[in-house]
Amino acid sequence: MNVKEVCRDTTKLNPLVDVMLELAIAYMIKQGVNPLVIETLRSQERQNYLYCQGRTIAECMAKGINSTFAKAYCNPSASKVTWTLNSVHVTCKAVDVVPQRLKNKLMLAIWDSNDAQTRIIIKAMMRYGFESGANWSTSPDSPHFQVKGDFENVFDSEHNTIYVTKAIQKALKIKDDGDWGNKTTDAVNAWRKSKKWKETGSIGAVALKALLG
C-alpha cells in the first residue's frame, strides 16, 4: 500500500462516470483547454493519509483513524488538503481536473479557481452531469467533480442525481428541473424507442454516450 501514490487511470472510474468524463474532456478540448486529470480512484487508506495532513494525531484518532496510522502520517505543520474521510473518490465516482498550459517551456497545472480555463472546465463538467466542488458553500474545491449516489451501471428514476438528471433532461429537450419523475422516464423511453432499443426507462453507459455525445 502506497498512500502517497496518485491514481489517474480513468478506467478505474464507474463506467457511467467514465463516459461523462470522456464527453466533458472532449468538450473542453474543443473550447481550447488542455485538461489534466489529477486523480480518479482513491483508496480509503490514501484518503485517511490526506486527512492526516494538517492535523494532529489526536484530531485524526478522534475521527476513527487508528493510532498506528495516525502516528505514521499525521503532519500538523502541513496544509490541510481534505475535510472529509468519506470522499466520493473512494467509490470510483469522483475526479479532479485542472487545466494545464505551457509556460517557460514547461507544461504546468493551473490551480486557480478564477482562471478562465478553470471556469470552462467547471462548465463542461456540469454540462455532462457532474457536481462541481467549486460551487460548495463550505470548503469549495474547484478541481473536484463528483457524481454521488448508489447507481452502478444505469441511471433511472431510482438511481440518479439532480446534476445527472438535469443533463439528461436537457439532452431530451424537456424541463430540466433535476427531478426524475414519470415525464423523464417517458422521455427516456421515447428516445430509446427511436433508437430501436428496449424501453427500460434507464440510461446505461452506451445510451449515455449516445444521448449526451
N, C-alpha and C. Protein backbone atom coordinates (compact mmCIF):
# COMPACT_ATOMS: atom_id res chain seq x y z
N MET A 1 0.83 -1.20 0.00
CA MET A 1 0.00 0.00 0.00
C MET A 1 0.87 1.25 0.00
N ASN A 2 0.72 2.09 -1.01
CA ASN A 2 1.44 3.35 -1.07
C ASN A 2 0.42 4.48 -1.02
N VAL A 3 0.24 5.02 0.16
CA VAL A 3 -0.81 6.03 0.34
C VAL A 3 -0.47 7.36 -0.34
N LYS A 4 0.78 7.50 -0.76
CA LYS A 4 1.18 8.74 -1.43
C LYS A 4 1.04 8.67 -2.94
N GLU A 5 0.73 7.49 -3.44
CA GLU A 5 0.62 7.30 -4.89
C GLU A 5 -0.74 7.77 -5.39
N VAL A 6 -0.72 8.54 -6.47
CA VAL A 6 -1.95 9.08 -7.06
C VAL A 6 -2.37 8.23 -8.25
N CYS A 7 -3.65 7.88 -8.32
CA CYS A 7 -4.20 7.15 -9.46
C CYS A 7 -4.88 8.13 -10.41
N ARG A 8 -4.44 8.13 -11.66
CA ARG A 8 -5.04 8.99 -12.68
C ARG A 8 -5.73 8.18 -13.77
N ASP A 9 -5.88 6.90 -13.55
CA ASP A 9 -6.46 6.00 -14.53
C ASP A 9 -7.97 6.17 -14.59
N THR A 10 -8.46 6.70 -15.70
CA THR A 10 -9.90 6.97 -15.81
C THR A 10 -10.71 5.67 -15.93
N THR A 11 -10.08 4.57 -16.34
CA THR A 11 -10.80 3.31 -16.45
C THR A 11 -11.14 2.73 -15.08
N LYS A 12 -10.57 3.29 -14.03
CA LYS A 12 -10.90 2.86 -12.67
C LYS A 12 -12.21 3.47 -12.19
N LEU A 13 -12.71 4.44 -12.94
CA LEU A 13 -13.95 5.10 -12.57
C LEU A 13 -15.15 4.20 -12.85
N ASN A 14 -16.26 4.46 -12.17
CA ASN A 14 -17.52 3.84 -12.51
C ASN A 14 -17.76 4.04 -14.02
N PRO A 15 -18.29 3.03 -14.74
CA PRO A 15 -18.44 3.15 -16.19
C PRO A 15 -19.28 4.33 -16.66
N LEU A 16 -20.30 4.69 -15.91
CA LEU A 16 -21.10 5.85 -16.27
C LEU A 16 -20.32 7.14 -16.08
N VAL A 17 -19.60 7.23 -14.99
CA VAL A 17 -18.79 8.42 -14.70
C VAL A 17 -17.67 8.55 -15.72
N ASP A 18 -17.11 7.42 -16.14
CA ASP A 18 -16.05 7.42 -17.15
C ASP A 18 -16.56 8.01 -18.46
N VAL A 19 -17.77 7.63 -18.86
CA VAL A 19 -18.37 8.18 -20.08
C VAL A 19 -18.59 9.69 -19.93
N MET A 20 -19.12 10.11 -18.80
CA MET A 20 -19.36 11.53 -18.56
C MET A 20 -18.06 12.32 -18.66
N LEU A 21 -16.99 11.78 -18.07
CA LEU A 21 -15.70 12.46 -18.12
C LEU A 21 -15.16 12.51 -19.54
N GLU A 22 -15.29 11.41 -20.27
CA GLU A 22 -14.82 11.38 -21.66
C GLU A 22 -15.49 12.47 -22.49
N LEU A 23 -16.80 12.60 -22.34
CA LEU A 23 -17.54 13.61 -23.09
C LEU A 23 -17.17 15.03 -22.66
N ALA A 24 -16.99 15.22 -21.36
CA ALA A 24 -16.63 16.54 -20.84
C ALA A 24 -15.25 16.96 -21.33
N ILE A 25 -14.31 16.02 -21.34
CA ILE A 25 -12.95 16.34 -21.79
C ILE A 25 -12.95 16.71 -23.27
N ALA A 26 -13.72 15.97 -24.07
CA ALA A 26 -13.81 16.29 -25.50
C ALA A 26 -14.36 17.70 -25.69
N TYR A 27 -15.34 18.07 -24.87
CA TYR A 27 -15.92 19.41 -24.93
C TYR A 27 -14.89 20.47 -24.55
N MET A 28 -14.12 20.20 -23.48
CA MET A 28 -13.08 21.15 -23.04
C MET A 28 -12.06 21.39 -24.14
N ILE A 29 -11.63 20.32 -24.77
CA ILE A 29 -10.61 20.43 -25.82
C ILE A 29 -11.12 21.28 -26.98
N LYS A 30 -12.40 21.12 -27.31
CA LYS A 30 -12.99 21.95 -28.37
C LYS A 30 -13.00 23.42 -27.98
N GLN A 31 -13.03 23.69 -26.67
CA GLN A 31 -13.02 25.07 -26.16
C GLN A 31 -11.60 25.60 -26.01
N GLY A 32 -10.61 24.83 -26.43
CA GLY A 32 -9.22 25.28 -26.37
C GLY A 32 -8.51 25.01 -25.06
N VAL A 33 -9.09 24.14 -24.23
CA VAL A 33 -8.49 23.82 -22.93
C VAL A 33 -7.73 22.50 -23.03
N ASN A 34 -6.58 22.46 -22.38
CA ASN A 34 -5.79 21.22 -22.30
C ASN A 34 -5.95 20.69 -20.88
N PRO A 35 -6.93 19.79 -20.64
CA PRO A 35 -7.21 19.35 -19.27
C PRO A 35 -6.22 18.29 -18.77
N LEU A 36 -5.98 18.33 -17.47
CA LEU A 36 -5.13 17.34 -16.82
C LEU A 36 -5.94 16.65 -15.73
N VAL A 37 -6.07 15.34 -15.84
CA VAL A 37 -6.74 14.56 -14.79
C VAL A 37 -5.74 14.37 -13.66
N ILE A 38 -6.08 14.89 -12.49
CA ILE A 38 -5.17 14.84 -11.34
C ILE A 38 -5.34 13.54 -10.56
N GLU A 39 -6.59 13.13 -10.33
CA GLU A 39 -6.83 11.91 -9.55
C GLU A 39 -8.21 11.36 -9.84
N THR A 40 -8.28 10.02 -9.87
CA THR A 40 -9.57 9.34 -10.07
C THR A 40 -9.86 8.50 -8.82
N LEU A 41 -9.63 7.20 -8.92
CA LEU A 41 -9.86 6.31 -7.78
C LEU A 41 -8.89 6.63 -6.64
N ARG A 42 -9.41 6.59 -5.42
CA ARG A 42 -8.58 6.82 -4.23
C ARG A 42 -8.97 5.78 -3.17
N SER A 43 -7.98 5.06 -2.67
CA SER A 43 -8.26 4.09 -1.63
C SER A 43 -8.64 4.80 -0.33
N GLN A 44 -9.32 4.08 0.56
CA GLN A 44 -9.66 4.67 1.85
C GLN A 44 -8.40 4.99 2.63
N GLU A 45 -7.37 4.15 2.48
CA GLU A 45 -6.11 4.41 3.18
C GLU A 45 -5.48 5.71 2.71
N ARG A 46 -5.54 5.97 1.39
CA ARG A 46 -4.99 7.24 0.89
C ARG A 46 -5.83 8.42 1.38
N GLN A 47 -7.14 8.23 1.42
CA GLN A 47 -8.00 9.30 1.94
C GLN A 47 -7.64 9.61 3.39
N ASN A 48 -7.41 8.56 4.16
CA ASN A 48 -7.01 8.75 5.57
C ASN A 48 -5.68 9.50 5.65
N TYR A 49 -4.76 9.14 4.77
CA TYR A 49 -3.45 9.80 4.73
C TYR A 49 -3.62 11.30 4.44
N LEU A 50 -4.44 11.61 3.46
CA LEU A 50 -4.65 13.01 3.11
C LEU A 50 -5.29 13.77 4.26
N TYR A 51 -6.20 13.10 4.96
CA TYR A 51 -6.85 13.74 6.11
C TYR A 51 -5.84 14.03 7.22
N CYS A 52 -4.82 13.21 7.31
CA CYS A 52 -3.80 13.40 8.35
C CYS A 52 -2.94 14.65 8.11
N GLN A 53 -2.94 15.15 6.87
CA GLN A 53 -2.13 16.31 6.57
C GLN A 53 -2.77 17.57 7.17
N GLY A 54 -2.00 18.27 7.99
CA GLY A 54 -2.50 19.49 8.62
C GLY A 54 -3.25 19.23 9.91
N ARG A 55 -3.21 17.98 10.40
CA ARG A 55 -3.93 17.65 11.63
C ARG A 55 -3.04 16.87 12.59
N THR A 56 -3.39 16.95 13.86
CA THR A 56 -2.63 16.25 14.89
C THR A 56 -3.07 14.80 15.00
N ILE A 57 -2.28 14.02 15.69
CA ILE A 57 -2.62 12.62 15.93
C ILE A 57 -3.95 12.52 16.68
N ALA A 58 -4.12 13.36 17.67
CA ALA A 58 -5.35 13.33 18.48
C ALA A 58 -6.56 13.65 17.62
N GLU A 59 -6.44 14.63 16.73
CA GLU A 59 -7.56 15.01 15.87
C GLU A 59 -7.96 13.85 14.95
N CYS A 60 -6.96 13.18 14.42
CA CYS A 60 -7.25 12.08 13.49
C CYS A 60 -7.81 10.86 14.21
N MET A 61 -7.27 10.56 15.38
CA MET A 61 -7.79 9.44 16.15
C MET A 61 -9.24 9.69 16.58
N ALA A 62 -9.56 10.95 16.83
CA ALA A 62 -10.93 11.30 17.22
C ALA A 62 -11.92 11.04 16.09
N LYS A 63 -11.41 10.98 14.85
CA LYS A 63 -12.25 10.70 13.70
C LYS A 63 -12.25 9.22 13.31
N GLY A 64 -11.54 8.41 14.10
CA GLY A 64 -11.57 6.98 13.86
C GLY A 64 -10.35 6.40 13.18
N ILE A 65 -9.36 7.23 12.86
CA ILE A 65 -8.12 6.71 12.28
C ILE A 65 -7.31 6.05 13.39
N ASN A 66 -6.82 4.83 13.14
CA ASN A 66 -6.13 4.12 14.21
C ASN A 66 -4.81 4.79 14.57
N SER A 67 -4.36 4.56 15.78
CA SER A 67 -3.21 5.28 16.33
C SER A 67 -1.92 5.02 15.54
N THR A 68 -1.72 3.78 15.09
CA THR A 68 -0.50 3.45 14.34
C THR A 68 -0.43 4.26 13.05
N PHE A 69 -1.56 4.31 12.33
CA PHE A 69 -1.61 5.06 11.07
C PHE A 69 -1.44 6.55 11.34
N ALA A 70 -2.12 7.05 12.35
CA ALA A 70 -2.04 8.48 12.67
C ALA A 70 -0.62 8.89 13.05
N LYS A 71 0.04 8.07 13.84
CA LYS A 71 1.41 8.38 14.25
C LYS A 71 2.37 8.36 13.06
N ALA A 72 2.08 7.50 12.09
CA ALA A 72 2.95 7.39 10.92
C ALA A 72 2.77 8.54 9.94
N TYR A 73 1.55 9.08 9.83
CA TYR A 73 1.28 10.02 8.74
C TYR A 73 0.80 11.41 9.15
N CYS A 74 0.44 11.62 10.39
CA CYS A 74 -0.03 12.96 10.76
C CYS A 74 1.08 13.98 10.63
N ASN A 75 0.73 15.12 10.06
CA ASN A 75 1.70 16.19 9.84
C ASN A 75 0.99 17.52 10.10
N PRO A 76 0.89 17.92 11.35
CA PRO A 76 0.14 19.13 11.68
C PRO A 76 0.72 20.42 11.10
N SER A 77 1.98 20.37 10.68
CA SER A 77 2.59 21.58 10.11
C SER A 77 2.26 21.75 8.62
N ALA A 78 1.70 20.73 8.02
CA ALA A 78 1.34 20.80 6.60
C ALA A 78 0.01 21.52 6.42
N SER A 79 -0.29 21.88 5.19
CA SER A 79 -1.58 22.49 4.88
C SER A 79 -2.64 21.40 4.77
N LYS A 80 -3.85 21.69 5.21
CA LYS A 80 -4.93 20.73 5.09
C LYS A 80 -5.32 20.58 3.62
N VAL A 81 -5.54 19.34 3.20
CA VAL A 81 -5.89 19.09 1.81
C VAL A 81 -7.27 18.47 1.64
N THR A 82 -7.86 18.00 2.72
CA THR A 82 -9.22 17.46 2.64
C THR A 82 -9.93 17.69 3.96
N TRP A 83 -11.25 17.71 3.89
CA TRP A 83 -12.05 17.97 5.09
C TRP A 83 -12.95 16.79 5.42
N THR A 84 -12.71 15.66 4.76
CA THR A 84 -13.58 14.50 4.98
C THR A 84 -12.80 13.20 4.91
N LEU A 85 -13.31 12.20 5.59
CA LEU A 85 -12.79 10.83 5.45
C LEU A 85 -13.67 10.03 4.48
N ASN A 86 -14.76 10.63 4.05
CA ASN A 86 -15.74 9.92 3.21
C ASN A 86 -15.80 10.51 1.81
N SER A 87 -14.68 10.51 1.13
CA SER A 87 -14.62 11.09 -0.21
C SER A 87 -15.32 10.21 -1.23
N VAL A 88 -15.97 10.83 -2.20
CA VAL A 88 -16.59 10.10 -3.30
C VAL A 88 -15.53 9.46 -4.20
N HIS A 89 -14.29 9.94 -4.10
CA HIS A 89 -13.20 9.30 -4.84
C HIS A 89 -13.11 7.81 -4.51
N VAL A 90 -13.39 7.47 -3.26
CA VAL A 90 -13.27 6.08 -2.80
C VAL A 90 -14.29 5.18 -3.50
N THR A 91 -15.40 5.74 -3.95
CA THR A 91 -16.45 4.97 -4.61
C THR A 91 -16.28 4.91 -6.13
N CYS A 92 -15.17 5.46 -6.64
CA CYS A 92 -14.89 5.48 -8.09
C CYS A 92 -15.81 6.43 -8.85
N LYS A 93 -16.36 7.44 -8.15
CA LYS A 93 -17.33 8.33 -8.78
C LYS A 93 -16.93 9.80 -8.66
N ALA A 94 -15.63 10.05 -8.53
CA ALA A 94 -15.14 11.43 -8.45
C ALA A 94 -13.82 11.54 -9.20
N VAL A 95 -13.55 12.75 -9.68
CA VAL A 95 -12.32 13.00 -10.42
C VAL A 95 -11.90 14.45 -10.18
N ASP A 96 -10.60 14.68 -10.14
CA ASP A 96 -10.06 16.03 -10.03
C ASP A 96 -9.45 16.41 -11.38
N VAL A 97 -9.82 17.57 -11.89
CA VAL A 97 -9.35 18.02 -13.21
C VAL A 97 -8.96 19.49 -13.15
N VAL A 98 -7.81 19.82 -13.72
CA VAL A 98 -7.37 21.21 -13.83
C VAL A 98 -6.85 21.45 -15.24
N PRO A 99 -6.78 22.72 -15.67
CA PRO A 99 -6.16 23.00 -16.97
C PRO A 99 -4.65 22.96 -16.85
N GLN A 100 -3.98 22.74 -17.96
CA GLN A 100 -2.52 22.83 -17.99
C GLN A 100 -2.10 23.66 -19.19
N ARG A 101 -1.05 24.47 -18.98
CA ARG A 101 -0.58 25.34 -20.06
C ARG A 101 0.93 25.37 -20.08
N LEU A 102 1.46 25.67 -21.25
CA LEU A 102 2.90 25.76 -21.43
C LEU A 102 3.40 27.11 -20.94
N LYS A 103 4.38 27.09 -20.04
CA LYS A 103 4.97 28.31 -19.54
C LYS A 103 6.47 28.09 -19.36
N ASN A 104 7.26 28.94 -20.01
CA ASN A 104 8.73 28.81 -19.96
C ASN A 104 9.16 27.40 -20.35
N LYS A 105 8.51 26.88 -21.41
CA LYS A 105 8.82 25.56 -21.97
C LYS A 105 8.44 24.40 -21.06
N LEU A 106 7.67 24.69 -20.03
CA LEU A 106 7.21 23.66 -19.11
C LEU A 106 5.68 23.61 -19.12
N MET A 107 5.11 22.40 -19.13
CA MET A 107 3.66 22.26 -19.05
C MET A 107 3.27 22.26 -17.58
N LEU A 108 2.54 23.29 -17.18
CA LEU A 108 2.21 23.48 -15.77
C LEU A 108 0.71 23.33 -15.52
N ALA A 109 0.37 22.66 -14.42
CA ALA A 109 -1.01 22.58 -13.98
C ALA A 109 -1.42 23.91 -13.37
N ILE A 110 -2.64 24.36 -13.64
CA ILE A 110 -3.13 25.65 -13.17
C ILE A 110 -4.11 25.41 -12.02
N TRP A 111 -3.72 25.82 -10.82
CA TRP A 111 -4.56 25.63 -9.63
C TRP A 111 -5.15 26.98 -9.24
N ASP A 112 -6.08 27.47 -10.03
CA ASP A 112 -6.65 28.80 -9.80
C ASP A 112 -8.14 28.76 -10.13
N SER A 113 -8.96 28.88 -9.12
CA SER A 113 -10.41 28.79 -9.33
C SER A 113 -10.95 29.94 -10.18
N ASN A 114 -10.20 31.04 -10.27
CA ASN A 114 -10.64 32.19 -11.06
C ASN A 114 -10.08 32.20 -12.47
N ASP A 115 -9.25 31.22 -12.79
CA ASP A 115 -8.66 31.13 -14.12
C ASP A 115 -9.76 30.88 -15.15
N ALA A 116 -9.66 31.53 -16.30
CA ALA A 116 -10.70 31.41 -17.33
C ALA A 116 -10.87 29.97 -17.80
N GLN A 117 -9.77 29.24 -17.95
CA GLN A 117 -9.87 27.86 -18.41
C GLN A 117 -10.42 26.94 -17.31
N THR A 118 -10.13 27.27 -16.07
CA THR A 118 -10.74 26.52 -14.97
C THR A 118 -12.25 26.66 -15.02
N ARG A 119 -12.72 27.87 -15.31
CA ARG A 119 -14.17 28.09 -15.40
C ARG A 119 -14.78 27.31 -16.56
N ILE A 120 -14.04 27.17 -17.65
CA ILE A 120 -14.52 26.36 -18.77
C ILE A 120 -14.64 24.90 -18.36
N ILE A 121 -13.65 24.41 -17.60
CA ILE A 121 -13.69 23.03 -17.12
C ILE A 121 -14.91 22.81 -16.22
N ILE A 122 -15.15 23.75 -15.32
CA ILE A 122 -16.31 23.63 -14.43
C ILE A 122 -17.61 23.58 -15.24
N LYS A 123 -17.72 24.45 -16.22
CA LYS A 123 -18.91 24.48 -17.07
C LYS A 123 -19.07 23.17 -17.83
N ALA A 124 -17.98 22.65 -18.36
CA ALA A 124 -18.03 21.41 -19.12
C ALA A 124 -18.44 20.23 -18.25
N MET A 125 -17.85 20.14 -17.07
CA MET A 125 -18.17 19.01 -16.19
C MET A 125 -19.63 19.06 -15.75
N MET A 126 -20.14 20.25 -15.45
CA MET A 126 -21.54 20.37 -15.06
C MET A 126 -22.47 20.07 -16.23
N ARG A 127 -22.05 20.43 -17.43
CA ARG A 127 -22.84 20.16 -18.64
C ARG A 127 -23.11 18.67 -18.78
N TYR A 128 -22.15 17.86 -18.36
CA TYR A 128 -22.29 16.41 -18.51
C TYR A 128 -22.65 15.70 -17.21
N GLY A 129 -23.16 16.44 -16.24
CA GLY A 129 -23.79 15.81 -15.08
C GLY A 129 -22.98 15.72 -13.81
N PHE A 130 -21.81 16.35 -13.76
CA PHE A 130 -21.01 16.33 -12.54
C PHE A 130 -21.44 17.43 -11.58
N GLU A 131 -21.35 17.13 -10.31
CA GLU A 131 -21.45 18.15 -9.26
C GLU A 131 -20.08 18.78 -9.11
N SER A 132 -20.01 20.10 -9.11
CA SER A 132 -18.74 20.80 -9.03
C SER A 132 -18.42 21.24 -7.62
N GLY A 133 -17.25 20.86 -7.13
CA GLY A 133 -16.80 21.28 -5.81
C GLY A 133 -16.61 22.78 -5.71
N ALA A 134 -16.45 23.44 -6.86
CA ALA A 134 -16.27 24.89 -6.87
C ALA A 134 -17.50 25.61 -6.34
N ASN A 135 -18.65 24.95 -6.41
CA ASN A 135 -19.91 25.59 -6.01
C ASN A 135 -20.31 25.31 -4.57
N TRP A 136 -19.47 24.59 -3.84
CA TRP A 136 -19.79 24.30 -2.45
C TRP A 136 -19.69 25.57 -1.61
N SER A 137 -20.65 25.78 -0.75
CA SER A 137 -20.64 26.97 0.11
C SER A 137 -19.60 26.84 1.22
N THR A 138 -19.30 25.60 1.62
CA THR A 138 -18.29 25.35 2.65
C THR A 138 -17.13 24.60 2.03
N SER A 139 -15.92 25.11 2.22
CA SER A 139 -14.70 24.48 1.70
C SER A 139 -14.80 24.17 0.21
N PRO A 140 -15.03 25.18 -0.65
CA PRO A 140 -15.10 24.92 -2.10
C PRO A 140 -13.80 24.31 -2.62
N ASP A 141 -13.93 23.44 -3.61
CA ASP A 141 -12.80 22.69 -4.13
C ASP A 141 -12.92 22.67 -5.66
N SER A 142 -12.36 23.67 -6.33
CA SER A 142 -12.61 23.84 -7.76
C SER A 142 -12.10 22.70 -8.65
N PRO A 143 -11.03 21.98 -8.30
CA PRO A 143 -10.62 20.87 -9.18
C PRO A 143 -11.50 19.62 -9.05
N HIS A 144 -12.37 19.58 -8.04
CA HIS A 144 -13.08 18.35 -7.71
C HIS A 144 -14.47 18.28 -8.35
N PHE A 145 -14.76 17.11 -8.93
CA PHE A 145 -16.06 16.87 -9.55
C PHE A 145 -16.52 15.47 -9.16
N GLN A 146 -17.80 15.33 -8.84
CA GLN A 146 -18.28 14.05 -8.35
C GLN A 146 -19.70 13.76 -8.82
N VAL A 147 -20.06 12.46 -8.72
CA VAL A 147 -21.40 12.00 -9.04
C VAL A 147 -21.83 11.09 -7.90
N LYS A 148 -22.42 11.66 -6.88
CA LYS A 148 -22.80 10.89 -5.70
C LYS A 148 -24.04 10.03 -6.01
N GLY A 149 -24.16 8.92 -5.30
CA GLY A 149 -25.36 8.11 -5.46
C GLY A 149 -25.05 6.63 -5.42
N ASP A 150 -26.12 5.82 -5.36
CA ASP A 150 -25.97 4.37 -5.26
C ASP A 150 -26.11 3.68 -6.61
N PHE A 151 -26.00 4.41 -7.71
CA PHE A 151 -26.07 3.82 -9.04
C PHE A 151 -24.81 2.98 -9.31
N GLU A 152 -24.96 2.02 -10.23
CA GLU A 152 -23.81 1.22 -10.65
C GLU A 152 -23.66 1.27 -12.17
N ASN A 153 -24.62 0.67 -12.89
CA ASN A 153 -24.49 0.56 -14.34
C ASN A 153 -25.53 1.35 -15.13
N VAL A 154 -26.55 1.88 -14.45
CA VAL A 154 -27.57 2.66 -15.15
C VAL A 154 -28.03 3.84 -14.29
N PHE A 155 -28.52 4.87 -14.98
CA PHE A 155 -29.27 5.93 -14.33
C PHE A 155 -30.74 5.70 -14.65
N ASP A 156 -31.58 5.81 -13.63
CA ASP A 156 -33.01 5.68 -13.84
C ASP A 156 -33.73 6.45 -12.74
N SER A 157 -35.03 6.23 -12.60
CA SER A 157 -35.81 7.00 -11.63
C SER A 157 -35.39 6.75 -10.19
N GLU A 158 -34.76 5.61 -9.94
CA GLU A 158 -34.34 5.27 -8.58
C GLU A 158 -32.85 5.53 -8.33
N HIS A 159 -32.10 5.69 -9.39
CA HIS A 159 -30.64 5.83 -9.27
C HIS A 159 -30.17 6.98 -10.15
N ASN A 160 -30.07 8.15 -9.54
CA ASN A 160 -29.66 9.33 -10.29
C ASN A 160 -29.23 10.43 -9.32
N THR A 161 -28.78 11.53 -9.85
CA THR A 161 -28.54 12.73 -9.05
C THR A 161 -29.22 13.89 -9.77
N ILE A 162 -29.41 14.98 -9.07
CA ILE A 162 -30.04 16.15 -9.68
C ILE A 162 -29.22 16.65 -10.87
N TYR A 163 -27.89 16.54 -10.77
CA TYR A 163 -27.00 17.05 -11.82
C TYR A 163 -27.06 16.16 -13.06
N VAL A 164 -27.03 14.85 -12.85
CA VAL A 164 -27.15 13.90 -13.96
C VAL A 164 -28.52 14.02 -14.61
N THR A 165 -29.55 14.10 -13.79
CA THR A 165 -30.91 14.19 -14.32
C THR A 165 -31.08 15.44 -15.17
N LYS A 166 -30.54 16.57 -14.71
CA LYS A 166 -30.62 17.80 -15.50
C LYS A 166 -29.93 17.64 -16.85
N ALA A 167 -28.77 17.01 -16.86
CA ALA A 167 -28.05 16.81 -18.12
C ALA A 167 -28.85 15.95 -19.08
N ILE A 168 -29.45 14.89 -18.56
CA ILE A 168 -30.27 14.01 -19.39
C ILE A 168 -31.52 14.73 -19.87
N GLN A 169 -32.15 15.49 -18.99
CA GLN A 169 -33.36 16.22 -19.38
C GLN A 169 -33.06 17.26 -20.47
N LYS A 170 -31.94 17.95 -20.34
CA LYS A 170 -31.57 18.93 -21.36
C LYS A 170 -31.36 18.26 -22.70
N ALA A 171 -30.70 17.10 -22.68
CA ALA A 171 -30.45 16.37 -23.93
C ALA A 171 -31.76 15.88 -24.56
N LEU A 172 -32.73 15.57 -23.71
CA LEU A 172 -34.04 15.10 -24.19
C LEU A 172 -34.96 16.25 -24.54
N LYS A 173 -34.49 17.48 -24.25
CA LYS A 173 -35.26 18.70 -24.54
C LYS A 173 -36.59 18.74 -23.78
N ILE A 174 -36.51 18.37 -22.49
CA ILE A 174 -37.66 18.51 -21.60
C ILE A 174 -37.26 19.40 -20.43
N LYS A 175 -38.21 19.75 -19.59
CA LYS A 175 -37.93 20.63 -18.46
C LYS A 175 -36.80 20.07 -17.59
N ASP A 176 -35.74 20.85 -17.43
CA ASP A 176 -34.57 20.38 -16.69
C ASP A 176 -34.63 20.83 -15.23
N ASP A 177 -35.53 20.20 -14.49
CA ASP A 177 -35.70 20.56 -13.09
C ASP A 177 -34.92 19.64 -12.15
N GLY A 178 -34.25 18.64 -12.72
CA GLY A 178 -33.45 17.73 -11.89
C GLY A 178 -34.26 16.67 -11.17
N ASP A 179 -35.57 16.62 -11.42
CA ASP A 179 -36.45 15.65 -10.77
C ASP A 179 -36.80 14.55 -11.77
N TRP A 180 -36.28 13.35 -11.55
CA TRP A 180 -36.55 12.24 -12.47
C TRP A 180 -37.89 11.61 -12.10
N GLY A 181 -38.93 12.15 -12.68
CA GLY A 181 -40.27 11.63 -12.46
C GLY A 181 -40.77 10.87 -13.68
N ASN A 182 -42.08 10.67 -13.75
CA ASN A 182 -42.66 9.90 -14.85
C ASN A 182 -42.42 10.54 -16.21
N LYS A 183 -42.42 11.88 -16.26
CA LYS A 183 -42.21 12.55 -17.55
C LYS A 183 -40.80 12.29 -18.09
N THR A 184 -39.83 12.23 -17.16
CA THR A 184 -38.47 11.95 -17.60
C THR A 184 -38.34 10.51 -18.07
N THR A 185 -38.95 9.59 -17.33
CA THR A 185 -38.93 8.18 -17.74
C THR A 185 -39.59 8.01 -19.10
N ASP A 186 -40.73 8.68 -19.30
CA ASP A 186 -41.43 8.61 -20.59
C ASP A 186 -40.56 9.15 -21.72
N ALA A 187 -39.86 10.25 -21.44
CA ALA A 187 -38.99 10.85 -22.46
C ALA A 187 -37.80 9.93 -22.77
N VAL A 188 -37.26 9.31 -21.73
CA VAL A 188 -36.16 8.36 -21.93
C VAL A 188 -36.65 7.20 -22.80
N ASN A 189 -37.83 6.68 -22.50
CA ASN A 189 -38.35 5.55 -23.28
C ASN A 189 -38.66 5.93 -24.72
N ALA A 190 -39.16 7.15 -24.92
CA ALA A 190 -39.43 7.61 -26.28
C ALA A 190 -38.13 7.71 -27.07
N TRP A 191 -37.10 8.20 -26.41
CA TRP A 191 -35.78 8.30 -27.07
C TRP A 191 -35.23 6.91 -27.34
N ARG A 192 -35.34 6.00 -26.38
CA ARG A 192 -34.86 4.63 -26.57
C ARG A 192 -35.61 3.95 -27.73
N LYS A 193 -36.91 4.20 -27.80
CA LYS A 193 -37.71 3.62 -28.89
C LYS A 193 -37.22 4.13 -30.24
N SER A 194 -36.85 5.42 -30.29
CA SER A 194 -36.34 5.99 -31.55
C SER A 194 -35.03 5.35 -31.98
N LYS A 195 -34.32 4.77 -31.01
CA LYS A 195 -33.06 4.09 -31.30
C LYS A 195 -33.27 2.59 -31.52
N LYS A 196 -34.57 2.18 -31.44
CA LYS A 196 -34.92 0.75 -31.56
C LYS A 196 -34.31 -0.07 -30.42
N TRP A 197 -34.27 0.53 -29.24
CA TRP A 197 -33.78 -0.15 -28.05
C TRP A 197 -34.96 -0.47 -27.14
N LYS A 198 -34.78 -1.44 -26.28
CA LYS A 198 -35.80 -1.83 -25.32
C LYS A 198 -36.14 -0.65 -24.41
N GLU A 199 -37.42 -0.45 -24.15
CA GLU A 199 -37.86 0.70 -23.35
C GLU A 199 -37.77 0.36 -21.86
N THR A 200 -36.58 0.50 -21.32
CA THR A 200 -36.31 0.14 -19.92
C THR A 200 -36.46 1.31 -18.95
N GLY A 201 -36.60 2.52 -19.50
CA GLY A 201 -36.68 3.70 -18.63
C GLY A 201 -35.36 4.06 -18.00
N SER A 202 -34.28 3.47 -18.50
CA SER A 202 -32.96 3.71 -17.91
C SER A 202 -31.95 4.11 -18.97
N ILE A 203 -30.82 4.65 -18.48
CA ILE A 203 -29.73 5.08 -19.35
C ILE A 203 -28.44 4.43 -18.85
N GLY A 204 -27.89 3.51 -19.65
CA GLY A 204 -26.61 2.90 -19.33
C GLY A 204 -25.48 3.64 -20.02
N ALA A 205 -24.29 3.08 -19.97
CA ALA A 205 -23.10 3.76 -20.48
C ALA A 205 -23.20 4.02 -21.99
N VAL A 206 -23.62 3.01 -22.75
CA VAL A 206 -23.74 3.17 -24.20
C VAL A 206 -24.79 4.22 -24.54
N ALA A 207 -25.95 4.13 -23.88
CA ALA A 207 -27.02 5.10 -24.11
C ALA A 207 -26.61 6.50 -23.69
N LEU A 208 -25.89 6.61 -22.58
CA LEU A 208 -25.46 7.92 -22.09
C LEU A 208 -24.54 8.60 -23.09
N LYS A 209 -23.63 7.84 -23.66
CA LYS A 209 -22.72 8.40 -24.65
C LYS A 209 -23.47 8.83 -25.90
N ALA A 210 -24.46 8.02 -26.31
CA ALA A 210 -25.25 8.37 -27.48
C ALA A 210 -26.12 9.59 -27.25
N LEU A 211 -26.68 9.70 -26.04
CA LEU A 211 -27.59 10.81 -25.73
C LEU A 211 -26.86 12.12 -25.52
N LEU A 212 -25.77 12.08 -24.78
CA LEU A 212 -25.07 13.32 -24.42
C LEU A 212 -23.94 13.68 -25.39
N GLY A 213 -23.55 12.73 -26.22
CA GLY A 213 -22.42 12.95 -27.11
C GLY A 213 -22.75 13.85 -28.29
